[in-house]
């Protein structure tokens, strides 16, 4: 019995290492990004914005609001599903006819990488610019901004 458990664990380890985990990582990462939609609210903001642009202004605060809530919950549910089923195939995105595979943002906001010394190092002085106190809401003071 002891030898069979040792052999089984060795076979499972070789199988896990031999199959690779790029698809699992991609599916799990997509699930994590989508599961945080309740906090991020990007789908809600984009739906409200699109409703204001393509529907009448009267429908922005009614139909756009409800549609935004529905799409937010749908994206969160898909994210939780992808987290739970990450180790198992299929690894492609789910429900792509209704939602985009990756999280969306409103057209008036495009996120970028933080100005951090990890991403933007200056070789001459040893650090780069960025916000002085990034945790303070509304803070616009930054290192080396010249303003």
N, C-alpha and C. Protein backbone atom coordinates (compact mmCIF):
# COMPACT_ATOMS: atom_id res chain seq x y z
N UNK A 1 0.83 -1.20 0.00
CA UNK A 1 0.00 0.00 0.00
C UNK A 1 0.87 1.25 0.00
N UNK A 2 1.91 1.21 0.81
CA UNK A 2 2.79 2.37 0.92
C UNK A 2 3.51 2.63 -0.41
N UNK A 3 3.95 1.56 -1.07
CA UNK A 3 4.63 1.72 -2.36
C UNK A 3 3.69 2.24 -3.44
N UNK A 4 2.43 1.81 -3.40
CA UNK A 4 1.48 2.26 -4.42
C UNK A 4 1.14 3.75 -4.25
N UNK A 5 1.06 4.23 -2.99
CA UNK A 5 0.82 5.65 -2.77
C UNK A 5 2.02 6.48 -3.21
N UNK A 6 3.21 5.96 -2.96
CA UNK A 6 4.42 6.66 -3.39
C UNK A 6 4.50 6.71 -4.91
N UNK A 7 4.17 5.60 -5.55
CA UNK A 7 4.17 5.56 -7.02
C UNK A 7 3.09 6.47 -7.59
N UNK A 8 1.91 6.49 -6.98
CA UNK A 8 0.83 7.36 -7.44
C UNK A 8 1.21 8.83 -7.32
N UNK A 9 1.81 9.21 -6.20
CA UNK A 9 2.22 10.61 -6.02
C UNK A 9 3.33 10.99 -7.00
N UNK A 10 4.23 10.06 -7.29
CA UNK A 10 5.28 10.34 -8.27
C UNK A 10 4.70 10.51 -9.67
N UNK A 11 3.75 9.65 -10.03
CA UNK A 11 3.12 9.75 -11.35
C UNK A 11 2.33 11.05 -11.47
N UNK A 12 1.60 11.43 -10.44
CA UNK A 12 0.85 12.69 -10.47
C UNK A 12 1.76 13.89 -10.55
N UNK A 13 2.89 13.85 -9.85
CA UNK A 13 3.85 14.96 -9.91
C UNK A 13 4.44 15.11 -11.30
N UNK A 14 4.83 14.00 -11.90
CA UNK A 14 5.38 14.04 -13.27
C UNK A 14 4.32 14.52 -14.25
N UNK A 15 3.08 14.07 -14.08
CA UNK A 15 2.00 14.50 -14.98
C UNK A 15 1.74 15.99 -14.84
N UNK A 16 1.74 16.50 -13.61
CA UNK A 16 1.50 17.92 -13.40
C UNK A 16 2.63 18.78 -13.97
N UNK A 17 3.86 18.34 -13.80
CA UNK A 17 4.99 19.09 -14.34
C UNK A 17 5.11 18.94 -15.84
N UNK A 18 4.71 17.81 -16.37
CA UNK A 18 4.84 17.57 -17.81
C UNK A 18 3.79 18.26 -18.64
N UNK A 19 2.62 18.51 -18.07
CA UNK A 19 1.55 19.12 -18.86
C UNK A 19 1.68 20.63 -18.94
N UNK A 20 2.41 21.25 -18.05
CA UNK A 20 2.54 22.70 -18.06
C UNK A 20 1.36 23.34 -17.37
N UNK A 21 1.52 24.61 -17.08
CA UNK A 21 0.44 25.27 -16.36
C UNK A 21 0.13 26.65 -16.94
N UNK A 22 0.53 26.92 -18.18
CA UNK A 22 0.26 28.22 -18.77
C UNK A 22 -1.23 28.45 -18.94
N UNK A 23 -1.95 27.44 -19.38
CA UNK A 23 -3.40 27.59 -19.55
C UNK A 23 -4.10 27.75 -18.22
N UNK A 24 -3.65 27.01 -17.22
CA UNK A 24 -4.24 27.13 -15.89
C UNK A 24 -3.98 28.52 -15.32
N UNK A 25 -2.77 29.02 -15.49
CA UNK A 25 -2.45 30.37 -15.01
C UNK A 25 -3.31 31.41 -15.69
N UNK A 26 -3.47 31.29 -16.98
CA UNK A 26 -4.25 32.27 -17.75
C UNK A 26 -5.71 32.24 -17.31
N UNK A 27 -6.27 31.04 -17.15
CA UNK A 27 -7.67 30.92 -16.75
C UNK A 27 -7.88 31.41 -15.32
N UNK A 28 -6.94 31.07 -14.43
CA UNK A 28 -7.06 31.52 -13.04
C UNK A 28 -6.90 33.04 -12.94
N UNK A 29 -5.96 33.60 -13.68
CA UNK A 29 -5.77 35.06 -13.67
C UNK A 29 -6.97 35.80 -14.22
N UNK A 30 -7.55 35.27 -15.30
CA UNK A 30 -8.75 35.88 -15.88
C UNK A 30 -9.90 35.79 -14.87
N UNK A 31 -9.99 34.66 -14.16
CA UNK A 31 -11.03 34.51 -13.15
C UNK A 31 -10.85 35.47 -11.98
N UNK A 32 -9.61 35.65 -11.55
CA UNK A 32 -9.35 36.61 -10.46
C UNK A 32 -9.72 38.03 -10.88
N UNK A 33 -9.35 38.41 -12.10
CA UNK A 33 -9.67 39.75 -12.58
C UNK A 33 -11.17 39.95 -12.70
N UNK A 34 -11.88 38.94 -13.15
CA UNK A 34 -13.33 39.06 -13.30
C UNK A 34 -14.06 38.96 -11.96
N UNK A 35 -13.52 38.21 -11.02
CA UNK A 35 -14.20 38.05 -9.72
C UNK A 35 -14.17 39.34 -8.90
N UNK A 36 -13.23 40.21 -9.17
CA UNK A 36 -13.15 41.47 -8.44
C UNK A 36 -13.98 42.57 -9.09
N UNK A 37 -14.88 42.20 -9.95
CA UNK A 37 -15.69 43.19 -10.66
C UNK A 37 -16.61 43.98 -9.74
N UNK A 38 -17.09 43.37 -8.67
CA UNK A 38 -17.93 44.11 -7.72
C UNK A 38 -17.18 45.27 -7.09
N UNK A 39 -15.89 45.10 -6.86
CA UNK A 39 -15.08 46.15 -6.26
C UNK A 39 -14.63 47.16 -7.32
N UNK A 40 -14.25 46.66 -8.48
CA UNK A 40 -13.71 47.50 -9.55
C UNK A 40 -14.80 48.31 -10.24
N UNK A 41 -15.93 47.72 -10.48
CA UNK A 41 -17.11 48.36 -11.09
C UNK A 41 -16.84 48.91 -12.48
N UNK A 42 -15.93 48.34 -13.21
CA UNK A 42 -15.64 48.80 -14.57
C UNK A 42 -16.77 48.49 -15.53
N UNK A 43 -17.37 47.31 -15.40
CA UNK A 43 -18.48 46.94 -16.28
C UNK A 43 -19.68 47.84 -16.02
N UNK A 44 -19.93 48.18 -14.78
CA UNK A 44 -21.05 49.07 -14.44
C UNK A 44 -20.84 50.45 -15.04
N UNK A 45 -19.63 51.01 -14.87
CA UNK A 45 -19.35 52.34 -15.41
C UNK A 45 -19.42 52.35 -16.93
N UNK A 46 -18.88 51.30 -17.56
CA UNK A 46 -18.91 51.25 -19.02
C UNK A 46 -20.34 51.11 -19.54
N UNK A 47 -21.16 50.31 -18.88
CA UNK A 47 -22.54 50.14 -19.32
C UNK A 47 -23.32 51.43 -19.16
N UNK A 48 -23.11 52.14 -18.07
CA UNK A 48 -23.77 53.44 -17.89
C UNK A 48 -23.31 54.42 -18.97
N UNK A 49 -22.03 54.44 -19.27
CA UNK A 49 -21.50 55.33 -20.29
C UNK A 49 -22.06 54.98 -21.67
N UNK A 50 -22.07 53.70 -22.01
CA UNK A 50 -22.59 53.28 -23.31
C UNK A 50 -24.09 53.54 -23.42
N UNK A 51 -24.80 53.40 -22.33
CA UNK A 51 -26.23 53.70 -22.34
C UNK A 51 -26.46 55.19 -22.55
N UNK A 52 -25.63 56.03 -21.97
CA UNK A 52 -25.76 57.48 -22.17
C UNK A 52 -25.44 57.87 -23.60
N UNK A 53 -24.50 57.17 -24.23
CA UNK A 53 -24.11 57.51 -25.60
C UNK A 53 -25.09 56.99 -26.65
N UNK A 54 -25.57 55.77 -26.50
CA UNK A 54 -26.33 55.14 -27.56
C UNK A 54 -27.83 55.08 -27.30
N UNK A 55 -28.27 55.24 -26.07
CA UNK A 55 -29.70 55.28 -25.77
C UNK A 55 -30.08 56.72 -25.46
N UNK A 56 -31.31 56.92 -25.06
CA UNK A 56 -31.72 58.28 -24.69
C UNK A 56 -31.21 58.60 -23.30
N UNK A 57 -31.03 59.88 -22.98
CA UNK A 57 -30.57 60.24 -21.63
C UNK A 57 -31.52 59.78 -20.53
N UNK A 58 -32.79 59.63 -20.86
CA UNK A 58 -33.73 59.15 -19.85
C UNK A 58 -33.44 57.71 -19.45
N UNK A 59 -32.93 56.93 -20.37
CA UNK A 59 -32.67 55.52 -20.08
C UNK A 59 -31.33 55.30 -19.39
N UNK A 60 -30.49 56.30 -19.32
CA UNK A 60 -29.18 56.13 -18.71
C UNK A 60 -29.29 55.73 -17.25
N UNK A 61 -30.16 56.41 -16.52
CA UNK A 61 -30.25 56.17 -15.08
C UNK A 61 -31.23 55.06 -14.72
N UNK A 62 -31.92 54.51 -15.69
CA UNK A 62 -32.84 53.42 -15.40
C UNK A 62 -32.35 52.13 -16.05
N UNK A 63 -32.44 52.06 -17.36
CA UNK A 63 -32.04 50.85 -18.08
C UNK A 63 -30.54 50.62 -17.97
N UNK A 64 -29.75 51.68 -18.11
CA UNK A 64 -28.30 51.55 -18.00
C UNK A 64 -27.86 51.09 -16.63
N UNK A 65 -28.54 51.58 -15.59
CA UNK A 65 -28.22 51.19 -14.22
C UNK A 65 -28.49 49.70 -14.00
N UNK A 66 -29.68 49.24 -14.39
CA UNK A 66 -30.04 47.83 -14.20
C UNK A 66 -29.15 46.94 -15.07
N UNK A 67 -28.92 47.35 -16.31
CA UNK A 67 -28.06 46.55 -17.20
C UNK A 67 -26.63 46.48 -16.64
N UNK A 68 -26.15 47.58 -16.05
CA UNK A 68 -24.82 47.59 -15.45
C UNK A 68 -24.72 46.65 -14.26
N UNK A 69 -25.75 46.63 -13.43
CA UNK A 69 -25.76 45.71 -12.28
C UNK A 69 -25.78 44.26 -12.77
N UNK A 70 -26.62 43.97 -13.78
CA UNK A 70 -26.69 42.60 -14.31
C UNK A 70 -25.36 42.16 -14.88
N UNK A 71 -24.72 43.01 -15.65
CA UNK A 71 -23.44 42.65 -16.26
C UNK A 71 -22.34 42.52 -15.21
N UNK A 72 -22.40 43.33 -14.17
CA UNK A 72 -21.42 43.23 -13.09
C UNK A 72 -21.54 41.89 -12.37
N UNK A 73 -22.77 41.49 -12.04
CA UNK A 73 -22.96 40.20 -11.37
C UNK A 73 -22.61 39.04 -12.30
N UNK A 74 -22.90 39.17 -13.58
CA UNK A 74 -22.56 38.11 -14.53
C UNK A 74 -21.04 37.95 -14.61
N UNK A 75 -20.32 39.05 -14.70
CA UNK A 75 -18.85 38.98 -14.78
C UNK A 75 -18.27 38.42 -13.49
N UNK A 76 -18.81 38.80 -12.35
CA UNK A 76 -18.34 38.27 -11.07
C UNK A 76 -18.58 36.77 -10.98
N UNK A 77 -19.75 36.32 -11.40
CA UNK A 77 -20.06 34.89 -11.39
C UNK A 77 -19.15 34.10 -12.32
N UNK A 78 -18.89 34.64 -13.50
CA UNK A 78 -17.98 33.96 -14.43
C UNK A 78 -16.57 33.90 -13.84
N UNK A 79 -16.17 34.96 -13.16
CA UNK A 79 -14.85 34.95 -12.51
C UNK A 79 -14.74 33.89 -11.44
N UNK A 80 -15.77 33.75 -10.62
CA UNK A 80 -15.76 32.73 -9.57
C UNK A 80 -15.75 31.34 -10.21
N UNK A 81 -16.53 31.15 -11.28
CA UNK A 81 -16.54 29.87 -11.99
C UNK A 81 -15.15 29.54 -12.54
N UNK A 82 -14.47 30.53 -13.14
CA UNK A 82 -13.16 30.27 -13.71
C UNK A 82 -12.11 30.01 -12.64
N UNK A 83 -12.24 30.61 -11.48
CA UNK A 83 -11.31 30.33 -10.38
C UNK A 83 -11.47 28.88 -9.92
N UNK A 84 -12.73 28.46 -9.74
CA UNK A 84 -12.98 27.11 -9.23
C UNK A 84 -12.63 26.02 -10.24
N UNK A 85 -12.77 26.31 -11.53
CA UNK A 85 -12.50 25.29 -12.55
C UNK A 85 -11.17 25.52 -13.26
N UNK A 86 -10.28 26.32 -12.71
CA UNK A 86 -9.00 26.62 -13.37
C UNK A 86 -8.16 25.38 -13.67
N UNK A 87 -8.09 24.38 -12.80
CA UNK A 87 -7.24 23.23 -13.13
C UNK A 87 -7.82 22.31 -14.20
N UNK A 88 -9.07 22.49 -14.56
CA UNK A 88 -9.73 21.56 -15.47
C UNK A 88 -9.99 22.21 -16.82
N UNK A 89 -9.83 21.45 -17.92
CA UNK A 89 -10.16 22.00 -19.24
C UNK A 89 -11.67 22.16 -19.39
N UNK A 90 -12.16 22.94 -20.29
CA UNK A 90 -11.50 23.77 -21.29
C UNK A 90 -10.96 25.05 -20.65
N UNK A 91 -9.89 25.57 -21.25
CA UNK A 91 -9.21 26.73 -20.69
C UNK A 91 -9.59 28.03 -21.37
N UNK A 92 -10.43 27.98 -22.38
CA UNK A 92 -10.84 29.20 -23.09
C UNK A 92 -11.83 30.02 -22.27
N UNK A 93 -12.06 31.26 -22.67
CA UNK A 93 -13.01 32.12 -21.95
C UNK A 93 -14.45 31.60 -22.06
N UNK A 94 -15.25 31.98 -21.11
CA UNK A 94 -16.64 31.53 -21.01
C UNK A 94 -17.56 32.70 -21.33
N UNK A 95 -18.69 32.44 -21.97
CA UNK A 95 -19.74 33.43 -22.24
C UNK A 95 -19.22 34.64 -23.00
N UNK A 96 -18.48 34.42 -24.06
CA UNK A 96 -17.91 35.54 -24.81
C UNK A 96 -18.92 36.24 -25.70
N UNK A 97 -20.08 35.65 -25.91
CA UNK A 97 -21.11 36.36 -26.69
C UNK A 97 -21.75 37.46 -25.87
N UNK A 98 -21.76 37.32 -24.57
CA UNK A 98 -22.41 38.30 -23.69
C UNK A 98 -21.41 39.29 -23.11
N UNK A 99 -20.24 38.80 -22.71
CA UNK A 99 -19.22 39.64 -22.08
C UNK A 99 -17.87 39.43 -22.76
N UNK A 100 -17.05 40.46 -22.75
CA UNK A 100 -15.68 40.33 -23.24
C UNK A 100 -14.91 39.45 -22.27
N UNK A 101 -13.91 38.68 -22.75
CA UNK A 101 -13.19 37.78 -21.85
C UNK A 101 -12.44 38.51 -20.73
N UNK A 102 -11.83 39.62 -21.04
CA UNK A 102 -11.06 40.38 -20.05
C UNK A 102 -11.93 41.50 -19.48
N UNK A 103 -11.61 42.00 -18.29
CA UNK A 103 -12.37 43.11 -17.73
C UNK A 103 -12.34 44.34 -18.64
N UNK A 104 -13.43 45.07 -18.66
CA UNK A 104 -13.54 46.25 -19.51
C UNK A 104 -13.48 47.52 -18.66
N UNK A 105 -13.18 48.61 -19.31
CA UNK A 105 -13.14 49.92 -18.68
C UNK A 105 -13.97 50.87 -19.51
N UNK A 106 -14.45 51.96 -18.92
CA UNK A 106 -15.14 52.96 -19.73
C UNK A 106 -14.18 53.55 -20.77
N UNK A 107 -14.74 54.06 -21.84
CA UNK A 107 -13.90 54.63 -22.89
C UNK A 107 -13.17 55.88 -22.44
N UNK A 108 -13.67 56.55 -21.42
CA UNK A 108 -13.01 57.77 -20.96
C UNK A 108 -11.91 57.50 -19.93
N UNK A 109 -11.61 56.23 -19.66
CA UNK A 109 -10.56 55.89 -18.71
C UNK A 109 -9.78 54.69 -19.24
N UNK A 110 -8.49 54.83 -19.41
CA UNK A 110 -7.62 53.74 -19.81
C UNK A 110 -6.55 53.56 -18.72
N UNK A 111 -6.53 52.42 -18.04
CA UNK A 111 -5.55 52.21 -16.97
C UNK A 111 -4.15 52.04 -17.54
N UNK A 112 -3.17 52.33 -16.72
CA UNK A 112 -1.78 52.20 -17.10
C UNK A 112 -1.02 51.60 -15.93
N UNK A 113 0.20 51.22 -16.18
CA UNK A 113 1.05 50.67 -15.12
C UNK A 113 1.40 51.79 -14.15
N UNK A 114 1.44 51.47 -12.86
CA UNK A 114 1.76 52.48 -11.85
C UNK A 114 3.15 53.05 -12.09
N UNK A 115 3.32 54.33 -11.77
CA UNK A 115 4.65 54.93 -11.82
C UNK A 115 5.37 54.50 -10.54
N UNK A 116 6.10 53.43 -10.63
CA UNK A 116 6.75 52.84 -9.47
C UNK A 116 8.19 52.54 -9.85
N UNK A 117 9.07 52.53 -8.87
CA UNK A 117 10.47 52.25 -9.15
C UNK A 117 10.69 50.84 -9.66
N UNK A 118 9.74 49.95 -9.45
CA UNK A 118 9.85 48.60 -9.98
C UNK A 118 9.75 48.59 -11.50
N UNK A 119 8.90 49.44 -12.05
CA UNK A 119 8.66 49.46 -13.49
C UNK A 119 9.46 50.54 -14.21
N UNK A 120 9.76 51.64 -13.56
CA UNK A 120 10.44 52.75 -14.21
C UNK A 120 11.65 53.18 -13.38
N UNK A 121 12.70 52.44 -13.46
CA UNK A 121 13.89 52.82 -12.70
C UNK A 121 14.76 53.76 -13.51
N UNK A 122 15.36 54.70 -12.84
CA UNK A 122 16.27 55.63 -13.49
C UNK A 122 17.69 55.21 -13.11
N UNK A 123 18.51 54.92 -14.09
CA UNK A 123 19.84 54.38 -13.81
C UNK A 123 20.80 55.45 -13.29
N UNK A 124 20.51 56.72 -13.52
CA UNK A 124 21.44 57.77 -13.11
C UNK A 124 21.30 58.14 -11.63
N UNK A 125 20.08 58.26 -11.15
CA UNK A 125 19.91 58.66 -9.76
C UNK A 125 19.38 57.54 -8.87
N UNK A 126 18.99 56.40 -9.43
CA UNK A 126 18.61 55.25 -8.64
C UNK A 126 17.14 55.13 -8.32
N UNK A 127 16.33 56.12 -8.65
CA UNK A 127 14.89 56.02 -8.46
C UNK A 127 14.22 56.86 -9.53
N UNK A 128 12.93 56.66 -9.67
CA UNK A 128 12.19 57.40 -10.69
C UNK A 128 11.03 58.13 -10.05
N UNK A 129 10.32 58.87 -10.86
CA UNK A 129 9.20 59.64 -10.36
C UNK A 129 8.01 58.78 -10.02
N UNK A 130 7.07 59.37 -9.38
CA UNK A 130 5.86 58.67 -8.99
C UNK A 130 5.17 59.45 -7.90
N UNK A 131 4.01 59.03 -7.47
CA UNK A 131 3.31 59.75 -6.42
C UNK A 131 4.03 59.64 -5.09
N UNK A 132 3.96 60.72 -4.31
CA UNK A 132 4.61 60.74 -3.01
C UNK A 132 3.81 59.93 -2.00
N UNK A 133 2.52 60.11 -1.98
CA UNK A 133 1.67 59.36 -1.06
C UNK A 133 0.52 58.76 -1.86
N UNK A 134 0.73 57.60 -2.51
CA UNK A 134 -0.31 57.06 -3.39
C UNK A 134 -1.58 56.62 -2.67
N UNK A 135 -1.52 56.41 -1.38
CA UNK A 135 -2.71 55.97 -0.65
C UNK A 135 -3.66 57.09 -0.30
N UNK A 136 -3.24 58.34 -0.45
CA UNK A 136 -4.08 59.48 -0.11
C UNK A 136 -4.96 59.83 -1.30
N UNK A 137 -6.28 59.80 -1.14
CA UNK A 137 -7.16 60.13 -2.26
C UNK A 137 -6.98 61.57 -2.73
N UNK A 138 -6.93 61.77 -4.02
CA UNK A 138 -6.80 63.11 -4.58
C UNK A 138 -5.39 63.67 -4.54
N UNK A 139 -4.42 62.86 -4.14
CA UNK A 139 -3.04 63.34 -4.05
C UNK A 139 -2.46 63.52 -5.45
N UNK A 140 -1.88 64.70 -5.72
CA UNK A 140 -1.29 64.95 -7.01
C UNK A 140 0.19 65.31 -6.89
N UNK A 141 0.76 65.17 -5.72
CA UNK A 141 2.16 65.47 -5.54
C UNK A 141 2.99 64.28 -6.00
N UNK A 142 4.02 64.55 -6.78
CA UNK A 142 4.84 63.46 -7.26
C UNK A 142 6.31 63.87 -7.27
N UNK A 143 7.16 62.88 -7.24
CA UNK A 143 8.59 63.08 -7.27
C UNK A 143 9.00 63.44 -8.70
N UNK A 144 9.88 64.38 -8.85
CA UNK A 144 10.42 64.78 -10.14
C UNK A 144 9.37 65.23 -11.15
N UNK A 145 8.29 65.85 -10.68
CA UNK A 145 7.24 66.25 -11.61
C UNK A 145 7.53 67.60 -12.24
N UNK A 146 8.27 68.46 -11.59
CA UNK A 146 8.59 69.77 -12.14
C UNK A 146 7.46 70.75 -12.07
N UNK A 147 6.43 70.48 -11.30
CA UNK A 147 5.31 71.41 -11.20
C UNK A 147 5.15 71.86 -9.77
